[in-house]
């Protein structure tokens, strides 16, 4: 089972069970609250901004991690290579 979300604004996602993949496309503003069962989830995102993943701590609180929005692409002998970079702002 996997979850797909397309063209949303202000999505709040609360994972209650095991989810191997979450796909988010064309979404602005997304808070993904994971549980212990889904810490190995694969996030697939495109054309989206203001996304955060909330990872549970042992005390019941969450640690917030922003999903990268900025990337650097370079050309190499085999084609293109793209990596996420921290925002300069």
Protein backbone atom coordinates (compact mmCIF):
# COMPACT_ATOMS: atom_id res chain seq x y z
CA UNK A 1 0.00 0.00 0.00
CA UNK A 2 1.16 3.52 -0.73
CA UNK A 3 -0.29 7.04 -0.53
CA UNK A 4 -0.50 9.53 -3.40
CA UNK A 5 -1.43 13.21 -2.96
CA UNK A 6 -1.72 15.59 -5.93
CA UNK A 7 -2.45 19.35 -6.15
CA UNK A 8 -3.17 20.20 -2.53
CA UNK A 9 -2.62 23.24 -0.32
CA UNK A 10 -2.08 22.93 3.43
CA UNK A 11 -2.05 19.12 3.68
CA UNK A 12 -1.67 17.55 7.13
CA UNK A 13 -0.91 13.84 6.90
CA UNK A 14 -0.95 11.63 10.00
CA UNK A 15 0.40 8.12 9.34
CA UNK A 16 -1.28 5.64 11.68
CA UNK A 17 0.17 2.37 10.38
CA UNK A 18 2.90 1.00 8.13
CA UNK A 19 3.26 2.95 4.88
CA UNK A 20 6.22 2.10 2.61
CA UNK A 21 5.80 5.00 0.14
CA UNK A 22 4.26 8.49 0.18
CA UNK A 23 4.11 10.38 -3.12
CA UNK A 24 3.37 14.12 -3.12
CA UNK A 25 3.04 16.16 -6.31
CA UNK A 26 2.16 19.83 -6.87
CA UNK A 27 1.47 20.52 -3.20
CA UNK A 28 2.22 23.70 -1.25
CA UNK A 29 2.35 23.31 2.52
CA UNK A 30 2.50 19.76 3.83
CA UNK A 31 3.09 18.40 7.35
CA UNK A 32 3.71 14.63 7.45
CA UNK A 33 3.46 13.09 10.92
CA UNK A 34 5.07 9.65 10.92
CA UNK A 35 4.77 6.90 13.50
CA UNK A 36 7.42 4.39 14.63
CA UNK A 37 6.19 1.79 12.11
CA UNK A 38 6.80 4.08 9.12
CA UNK A 39 10.25 5.50 9.82
CA UNK A 40 11.60 3.63 6.78
CA UNK A 41 9.08 5.30 4.43
CA UNK A 42 10.23 6.49 1.01
CA UNK A 43 9.08 10.02 0.18
CA UNK A 44 8.70 10.85 -3.50
CA UNK A 45 8.06 14.55 -4.11
CA UNK A 46 7.85 16.79 -7.16
CA UNK A 47 6.82 20.40 -7.81
CA UNK A 48 6.02 20.86 -4.12
CA UNK A 49 7.08 23.35 -1.45
CA UNK A 50 6.88 24.00 2.30
CA UNK A 51 6.98 20.30 3.21
CA UNK A 52 8.05 19.01 6.62
CA UNK A 53 8.37 15.50 8.00
CA UNK A 54 7.59 15.11 11.68
CA UNK A 55 9.50 12.18 13.23
CA UNK A 56 8.37 10.91 16.66
CA UNK A 57 10.69 11.05 19.66
CA UNK A 58 10.57 8.61 22.57
CA UNK A 59 8.91 11.25 24.80
CA UNK A 60 5.92 11.70 22.45
CA UNK A 61 7.13 14.95 20.89
CA UNK A 62 8.23 15.27 17.27
CA UNK A 63 11.38 16.43 15.52
CA UNK A 64 10.66 18.47 12.40
CA UNK A 65 12.72 17.94 9.23
CA UNK A 66 12.17 20.08 6.12
CA UNK A 67 12.02 18.31 2.75
CA UNK A 68 14.53 19.94 0.39
CA UNK A 69 13.16 22.34 -2.24
CA UNK A 70 16.46 23.42 -3.74
CA UNK A 71 18.72 21.22 -5.86
CA UNK A 72 22.04 21.43 -7.67
CA UNK A 73 22.48 19.65 -11.00
CA UNK A 74 25.87 19.11 -12.60
CA UNK A 75 26.93 17.47 -15.83
CA UNK A 76 29.25 14.47 -15.71
CA UNK A 77 30.44 11.96 -18.34
CA UNK A 78 27.45 9.68 -17.68
CA UNK A 79 24.79 12.44 -17.81
CA UNK A 80 23.31 14.59 -15.07
CA UNK A 81 23.77 14.34 -11.32
CA UNK A 82 21.35 16.09 -8.96
CA UNK A 83 21.69 16.53 -5.19
CA UNK A 84 19.64 18.41 -2.62
CA UNK A 85 21.25 21.55 -1.19
CA UNK A 86 20.45 23.64 1.87
CA UNK A 87 18.64 26.90 1.21
CA UNK A 88 20.84 29.96 1.27
CA UNK A 89 18.03 32.12 2.68
